[in-house]
């Protein structure tokens, strides 16, 4: 059995994301006074006292099309999908604004799903508002519960009612053993379309409007016997181009998604190839010591630009030297070209990212490298490098015992790392090399 699922639904701007953050214990969903900020489904594992569950935040449901009606129809469809996968729904309403036609619409969708629905009457911050509580009682399966998600009141009563309406939870960690993959890149390079092509369903909203994806989405899927956890992230602009507020927090979470991942899939646009921002984003993965796979999306349009795969490969290798040997995939989310290769290269890269070397083979290569190119002295002072030991994986981490590590020039450190790569591979994977002084605490 998987974890029980709770979906938070309701019209825009009633506090769904505030409740989501309150229950999850972190700022995962974007909170803003702008209606419609949450567009996609956002999910996370959460715990409330001794109960574990999967929590889903959704976009707002309205009873009439908004100005960008195509997008809002997709938001509505995403909400229906979330409700369909849930064991119980929390219907959020706003006591301050009163009962609206959109509240009726959300309640009707919940009733059609056949799932139990608990009404949470938010913004119950003063007694005068409680007088209108009875207006919402017929929207759900039981009487409405007054809460204040912002002030953390009424939440215990709400969750007690929710747990009473759902099947027993299971302690299975649905992410256990899954390879975590962050799909990242500039805005509008086709990340969401590629994400949907990879997981085989319309999980993220795909729109030609740049910046449609604002929240990071987690989706667990399988490739053969391997579990993969995909994260579709908001596009990352250059720092000076990032708007304050919503887009700023999206960028923060996109970078956080890279840091939490095992493999960063860096998506570029074949029609705008290669930009400084592409390398800047890849630099986030490098700084976080994450492995990387490079995907050149929209390759079906490459003929219009006149670029060949040979030219593209050479350009990527030259511009992404800080991700040595990274796999490069020419793909089209629209036609499906190359999409299957992404799975293969992700698994290959993760194997390198998780690789642990045999100590005897590691030592032989290490001393061979030292013998073929002895460490030069600096201003008459000598440094002695002794043994090496691999102490970790994801990323592969090595400790080198030496005397006076501060005397080792960075070029010699690079030589030693390149020797390890030439002998053992580690394609697309960072190596963490720790030079530790004998008799002292760790030095980098």
Foldseek 3Di string as FASTA:
>chain_A
DAFAEEEEAAAWPLCQQLLVCLQAVHNQDADDNDTFLFQAKAWDWGDDVHGIHIYIYAHGFAPDADPPRVSNVVSVVRSLVSLLRHQEYEYEDELVVADDPRLLVRLVSNVVSVHFYAYEHEPPPDDVSVVRQQVCQVSGPGGHFYDYSVVGPRVVVVVVVVVVRGDGGDPDDPCPQAAEEEEAEAWQQCLQLLVCLQQVHNRDDDDNPTFPFQGWHWDWDDDVPHIYIYIYAHGDDPPVPQDPGRSVVSNVVSLVSLLPGQEYEQEAELVDPDDPRSLVVVVSNLVSQHFYAYEHEPLVCNVVVVDDPVNNVVVCCVSPVSQAQHHYFYYYSVVGPRSVVVVVSVVVLSCLQQDADDQVVVFVLQVVLCVVPPQDFDPPDDKAWDGKHFDGGSHTEIEIEIAPPVRGDVVVVVSSVVSCCVVPNSHRGDYHYWYQYPPDGTDD
